[in-house]
Structure formats: C-alpha cells, structure tokens
Amino acid sequence: MGIEISVVIPTRNSERFVAKTLQAIQQGTYHPVEILVVDGCSTDQTVSIARSFGVKVVENRTLHAASARNIGILKARSPIVAFTDSDCIPAANWLESIAFAFLDDPKLEGVGGPVLLSQPKNQIQAYSAHVFERIKSFPDQPTIITKKGVGG
C-alpha cells in the first residue's frame, strides 16, 4: 500500500497486558514499519516482554504517557505515527484503516476513532467504563477540522 506507519506505545509496569497488545498489532492486517514501546521506568517484566517481540524499547525517564508519546514521535522513522496504550487490544484492521484514510486524503493531518471497552467483570468496571465512555467518547459522525489547533 505504500503508507509507512510507526506505532508508539507508552507503558509502565504493564507486564500483564503488553504481550497481548503487541501480539494484536503484529497479527493485524497491516504491518507497521516499527513498533516503539516507550517505557516509563518499569519495575516489572514489561521491558523484557516487549523485547521478546522484537520491538524497539525507548526509555522515558519522566514517567508520563504524554511525554512518552512525544518521545515516540521524535524517535519514529515514519511520517505517520499511530498511538495505542499498553493495555489496549487494537482491532486487526486498525492500522489498515489509518493507512486507507491517509491514502484517501493526502492532505490529512490526523485521524482518530473510538475506544471500545471490553465486557466489564464487576460493578466497579461497569461504572468505570460508563465514566470513560462519557468523557472520552467520539462523535458518531466524522468531524472535519479545518484549522490546526482546533479540537473536535
């Protein structure tokens, strides 16, 4: 397809989840040119698990996910950077959808989508999912942003 995408994954002490995240990306329908796990000083096995998948691990001494994303952007080899978290399981066609969006509109500067939550296992998870969906929800219809720096 010709669209190069780097994937950046901020992480810290994610040994319980990071393997599933990396596996989902590597088994997806579109393969990134690189996967960068930006680690915020994990004290568990996160880094060794990530390295076992053959991905690049980058250190983030500030510990914050926002700074990890910025570090990932600076270290990425490709002009398009896709972000996911270390406790997320991206859909198989996640990167393919991003690549098609950029192929369809060469002037496109960014693209986002919904975060779908897994089935809650208890009332606390159900409530947390409800709060998350209310705060972080995307509109049902695409929103075109015509000016840089304007949220939407």
C-alpha atoms as a PDB file:
ATOM      1  CA  MET A   1       0.000   0.000   0.000  1.00  0.00           C
ATOM      2  CA  GLY A   2       2.979   2.304   0.459  1.00  0.00           C
ATOM      3  CA  ILE A   3       1.892   4.122   3.632  1.00  0.00           C
ATOM      4  CA  GLU A   4       4.516   3.790   6.372  1.00  0.00           C
ATOM      5  CA  ILE A   5       3.267   3.868   9.949  1.00  0.00           C
ATOM      6  CA  SER A   6       5.199   3.762  13.218  1.00  0.00           C
ATOM      7  CA  VAL A   7       3.316   2.586  16.305  1.00  0.00           C
ATOM      8  CA  VAL A   8       4.103   4.197  19.663  1.00  0.00           C
ATOM      9  CA  ILE A   9       3.025   2.520  22.894  1.00  0.00           C
ATOM     10  CA  PRO A  10       3.578   4.383  26.181  1.00  0.00           C
ATOM     11  CA  THR A  11       3.947   1.918  29.027  1.00  0.00           C
ATOM     12  CA  ARG A  12       4.869   1.481  32.657  1.00  0.00           C
ATOM     13  CA  ASN A  13       4.595  -1.754  34.630  1.00  0.00           C
ATOM     14  CA  SER A  14       2.363  -3.359  32.013  1.00  0.00           C
ATOM     15  CA  GLU A  15       3.624  -6.933  32.142  1.00  0.00           C
ATOM     16  CA  ARG A  16       0.039  -8.234  32.447  1.00  0.00           C
ATOM     17  CA  PHE A  17      -1.099  -6.598  29.190  1.00  0.00           C
ATOM     18  CA  VAL A  18       1.729  -5.592  26.859  1.00  0.00           C
ATOM     19  CA  ALA A  19       2.162  -9.022  25.214  1.00  0.00           C
ATOM     20  CA  LYS A  20      -1.496  -9.069  24.099  1.00  0.00           C
ATOM     21  CA  THR A  21      -1.164  -5.533  22.732  1.00  0.00           C
ATOM     22  CA  LEU A  22       1.978  -6.355  20.755  1.00  0.00           C
ATOM     23  CA  GLN A  23       0.553  -9.640  19.526  1.00  0.00           C
ATOM     24  CA  ALA A  24      -2.589  -7.903  18.257  1.00  0.00           C
ATOM     25  CA  ILE A  25      -0.515  -5.354  16.332  1.00  0.00           C
ATOM     26  CA  GLN A  26       1.833  -7.936  14.844  1.00  0.00           C
ATOM     27  CA  GLN A  27      -1.071 -10.162  13.789  1.00  0.00           C
ATOM     28  CA  GLY A  28      -3.038  -7.280  12.277  1.00  0.00           C
ATOM     29  CA  THR A  29      -3.905  -6.866   8.612  1.00  0.00           C
ATOM     30  CA  TYR A  30      -1.370  -4.048   8.103  1.00  0.00           C
ATOM     31  CA  HIS A  31       2.142  -4.105   9.488  1.00  0.00           C
ATOM     32  CA  PRO A  32       3.901  -1.012  10.808  1.00  0.00           C
ATOM     33  CA  VAL A  33       7.478  -0.214   9.844  1.00  0.00           C
ATOM     34  CA  GLU A  34       8.285  -0.256  13.560  1.00  0.00           C
ATOM     35  CA  ILE A  35       6.753  -0.553  16.990  1.00  0.00           C
ATOM     36  CA  LEU A  36       8.228   1.625  19.717  1.00  0.00           C
ATOM     37  CA  VAL A  37       7.446   0.779  23.327  1.00  0.00           C
ATOM     38  CA  VAL A  38       8.268   3.906  25.318  1.00  0.00           C
ATOM     39  CA  ASP A  39       8.812   2.678  28.850  1.00  0.00           C
ATOM     40  CA  GLY A  40       8.447   4.860  31.930  1.00  0.00           C
ATOM     41  CA  CYS A  41      10.932   3.086  34.226  1.00  0.00           C
ATOM     42  CA  SER A  42       9.008  -0.155  34.675  1.00  0.00           C
ATOM     43  CA  THR A  43       9.987  -2.262  37.679  1.00  0.00           C
ATOM     44  CA  ASP A  44       8.340  -5.439  36.391  1.00  0.00           C
ATOM     45  CA  GLN A  45       8.978  -7.557  33.272  1.00  0.00           C
ATOM     46  CA  THR A  46       7.413  -5.093  30.798  1.00  0.00           C
ATOM     47  CA  VAL A  47      10.682  -4.286  29.011  1.00  0.00           C
ATOM     48  CA  SER A  48      11.826  -7.901  28.631  1.00  0.00           C
ATOM     49  CA  ILE A  49       8.390  -8.946  27.374  1.00  0.00           C
ATOM     50  CA  ALA A  50       8.405  -6.102  24.824  1.00  0.00           C
ATOM     51  CA  ARG A  51      11.914  -7.012  23.658  1.00  0.00           C
ATOM     52  CA  SER A  52      10.847 -10.633  23.211  1.00  0.00           C
ATOM     53  CA  PHE A  53       8.527  -9.371  20.456  1.00  0.00           C
ATOM     54  CA  GLY A  54      11.451  -7.754  18.640  1.00  0.00           C
ATOM     55  CA  VAL A  55      10.187  -4.206  19.090  1.00  0.00           C
ATOM     56  CA  LYS A  56      12.256  -1.142  19.877  1.00  0.00           C
ATOM     57  CA  VAL A  57      12.160  -0.141  23.548  1.00  0.00           C
ATOM     58  CA  VAL A  58      12.822   3.517  24.330  1.00  0.00           C
ATOM     59  CA  GLU A  59      13.341   4.938  27.811  1.00  0.00           C
ATOM     60  CA  ASN A  60      11.043   7.611  29.248  1.00  0.00           C
ATOM     61  CA  ARG A  61      12.504   8.963  32.480  1.00  0.00           C
ATOM     62  CA  THR A  62       9.652  11.424  33.061  1.00  0.00           C
ATOM     63  CA  LEU A  63       7.121   8.600  33.557  1.00  0.00           C
ATOM     64  CA  HIS A  64       4.206  10.455  31.931  1.00  0.00           C
ATOM     65  CA  ALA A  65       2.262   8.993  28.997  1.00  0.00           C
ATOM     66  CA  ALA A  66       2.180  12.401  27.279  1.00  0.00           C
ATOM     67  CA  SER A  67       5.965  12.683  27.338  1.00  0.00           C
ATOM     68  CA  ALA A  68       6.208   9.064  26.166  1.00  0.00           C
ATOM     69  CA  ARG A  69       4.104   9.945  23.128  1.00  0.00           C
ATOM     70  CA  ASN A  70       6.341  12.942  22.393  1.00  0.00           C
ATOM     71  CA  ILE A  71       9.457  10.794  22.740  1.00  0.00           C
ATOM     72  CA  GLY A  72       7.880   8.259  20.394  1.00  0.00           C
ATOM     73  CA  ILE A  73       7.168  10.927  17.791  1.00  0.00           C
ATOM     74  CA  LEU A  74      10.790  12.103  17.928  1.00  0.00           C
ATOM     75  CA  LYS A  75      12.155   8.547  17.623  1.00  0.00           C
ATOM     76  CA  ALA A  76       9.714   7.341  14.941  1.00  0.00           C
ATOM     77  CA  ARG A  77      11.101   6.635  11.472  1.00  0.00           C
ATOM     78  CA  SER A  78       7.884   7.151   9.548  1.00  0.00           C
ATOM     79  CA  PRO A  79       5.867  10.326   8.989  1.00  0.00           C
ATOM     80  CA  ILE A  80       2.654   8.762  10.312  1.00  0.00           C
ATOM     81  CA  VAL A  81       2.592   7.768  13.978  1.00  0.00           C
ATOM     82  CA  ALA A  82      -0.210   5.690  15.474  1.00  0.00           C
ATOM     83  CA  PHE A  83      -0.709   5.543  19.224  1.00  0.00           C
ATOM     84  CA  THR A  84      -2.208   2.885  21.425  1.00  0.00           C
ATOM     85  CA  ASP A  85      -1.841   2.115  25.104  1.00  0.00           C
ATOM     86  CA  SER A  86      -0.154  -0.965  26.526  1.00  0.00           C
ATOM     87  CA  ASP A  87      -3.420  -2.270  27.971  1.00  0.00           C
ATOM     88  CA  CYS A  88      -5.366  -1.977  24.691  1.00  0.00           C
ATOM     89  CA  ILE A  89      -6.054  -4.599  22.061  1.00  0.00           C
ATOM     90  CA  PRO A  90      -6.196  -2.810  18.694  1.00  0.00           C
ATOM     91  CA  ALA A  91      -8.594  -4.216  16.109  1.00  0.00           C
ATOM     92  CA  ALA A  92      -6.968  -6.340  13.411  1.00  0.00           C
ATOM     93  CA  ASN A  93      -7.690  -3.674  10.768  1.00  0.00           C
ATOM     94  CA  TRP A  94      -6.680  -0.683  12.937  1.00  0.00           C
ATOM     95  CA  LEU A  95      -3.524   0.255  11.037  1.00  0.00           C
ATOM     96  CA  GLU A  96      -5.069  -0.669   7.700  1.00  0.00           C
ATOM     97  CA  SER A  97      -7.892   1.809   8.368  1.00  0.00           C
ATOM     98  CA  ILE A  98      -5.361   4.517   9.192  1.00  0.00           C
ATOM     99  CA  ALA A  99      -3.372   3.780   6.029  1.00  0.00           C
ATOM    100  CA  PHE A 100      -6.508   3.934   3.857  1.00  0.00           C
ATOM    101  CA  ALA A 101      -7.522   7.261   5.440  1.00  0.00           C
ATOM    102  CA  PHE A 102      -4.151   8.778   4.516  1.00  0.00           C
ATOM    103  CA  LEU A 103      -4.279   7.266   1.014  1.00  0.00           C
ATOM    104  CA  ASP A 104      -7.764   8.648   0.502  1.00  0.00           C
ATOM    105  CA  ASP A 105      -6.773  12.171   1.580  1.00  0.00           C
ATOM    106  CA  PRO A 106      -3.082  13.064   1.161  1.00  0.00           C
ATOM    107  CA  LYS A 107      -3.670  16.387   2.980  1.00  0.00           C
ATOM    108  CA  LEU A 108      -4.965  14.600   6.066  1.00  0.00           C
ATOM    109  CA  GLU A 109      -3.076  15.565   9.217  1.00  0.00           C
ATOM    110  CA  GLY A 110      -4.661  13.234  11.737  1.00  0.00           C
ATOM    111  CA  VAL A 111      -7.310  10.628  12.324  1.00  0.00           C
ATOM    112  CA  GLY A 112      -8.908   9.201  15.461  1.00  0.00           C
ATOM    113  CA  GLY A 113     -11.516   6.679  16.399  1.00  0.00           C
ATOM    114  CA  PRO A 114     -13.453   5.194  19.257  1.00  0.00           C
ATOM    115  CA  VAL A 115     -12.057   3.178  22.131  1.00  0.00           C
ATOM    116  CA  LEU A 116     -14.329   0.204  22.657  1.00  0.00           C
ATOM    117  CA  LEU A 117     -14.347  -1.264  26.119  1.00  0.00           C
ATOM    118  CA  SER A 118     -14.361  -4.953  26.912  1.00  0.00           C
ATOM    119  CA  GLN A 119     -17.192  -6.571  28.813  1.00  0.00           C
ATOM    120  CA  PRO A 120     -16.983  -5.485  32.490  1.00  0.00           C
ATOM    121  CA  LYS A 121     -16.438  -8.261  35.017  1.00  0.00           C
ATOM    122  CA  ASN A 122     -17.907  -6.436  38.028  1.00  0.00           C
ATOM    123  CA  GLN A 123     -19.814  -3.301  39.030  1.00  0.00           C
ATOM    124  CA  ILE A 124     -16.672  -1.224  39.522  1.00  0.00           C
ATOM    125  CA  GLN A 125     -15.519  -1.978  35.964  1.00  0.00           C
ATOM    126  CA  ALA A 126     -19.005  -1.269  34.637  1.00  0.00           C
ATOM    127  CA  TYR A 127     -19.113   2.118  36.362  1.00  0.00           C
ATOM    128  CA  SER A 128     -15.564   2.982  35.251  1.00  0.00           C
ATOM    129  CA  ALA A 129     -16.467   2.041  31.665  1.00  0.00           C
ATOM    130  CA  HIS A 130     -19.539   4.274  31.829  1.00  0.00           C
ATOM    131  CA  VAL A 131     -17.471   7.228  33.056  1.00  0.00           C
ATOM    132  CA  PHE A 132     -14.755   6.579  30.468  1.00  0.00           C
ATOM    133  CA  GLU A 133     -17.254   6.416  27.610  1.00  0.00           C
ATOM    134  CA  ARG A 134     -18.909   9.680  28.677  1.00  0.00           C
ATOM    135  CA  ILE A 135     -15.593  11.545  28.947  1.00  0.00           C
ATOM    136  CA  LYS A 136     -13.677  10.077  26.018  1.00  0.00           C
ATOM    137  CA  SER A 137     -16.421   9.357  23.501  1.00  0.00           C
ATOM    138  CA  PHE A 138     -16.047  10.279  19.855  1.00  0.00           C
ATOM    139  CA  PRO A 139     -18.984  11.606  17.833  1.00  0.00           C
ATOM    140  CA  ASP A 140     -20.983   9.123  15.771  1.00  0.00           C
ATOM    141  CA  GLN A 141     -20.212  11.061  12.591  1.00  0.00           C
ATOM    142  CA  PRO A 142     -16.760  12.167  11.400  1.00  0.00           C
ATOM    143  CA  THR A 143     -15.755  15.675  12.374  1.00  0.00           C
ATOM    144  CA  ILE A 144     -13.686  17.622   9.881  1.00  0.00           C
ATOM    145  CA  ILE A 145     -11.283  20.071  11.491  1.00  0.00           C
ATOM    146  CA  THR A 146     -10.249  22.803   9.087  1.00  0.00           C
ATOM    147  CA  LYS A 147      -7.890  24.776  11.288  1.00  0.00           C
ATOM    148  CA  LYS A 148      -4.827  23.457  13.126  1.00  0.00           C
ATOM    149  CA  GLY A 149      -5.072  23.628  16.884  1.00  0.00           C
ATOM    150  CA  VAL A 150      -8.846  23.387  16.986  1.00  0.00           C
ATOM    151  CA  GLY A 151     -10.223  20.396  18.855  1.00  0.00           C
ATOM    152  CA  GLY A 152     -13.044  18.293  17.512  1.00  0.00           C
END
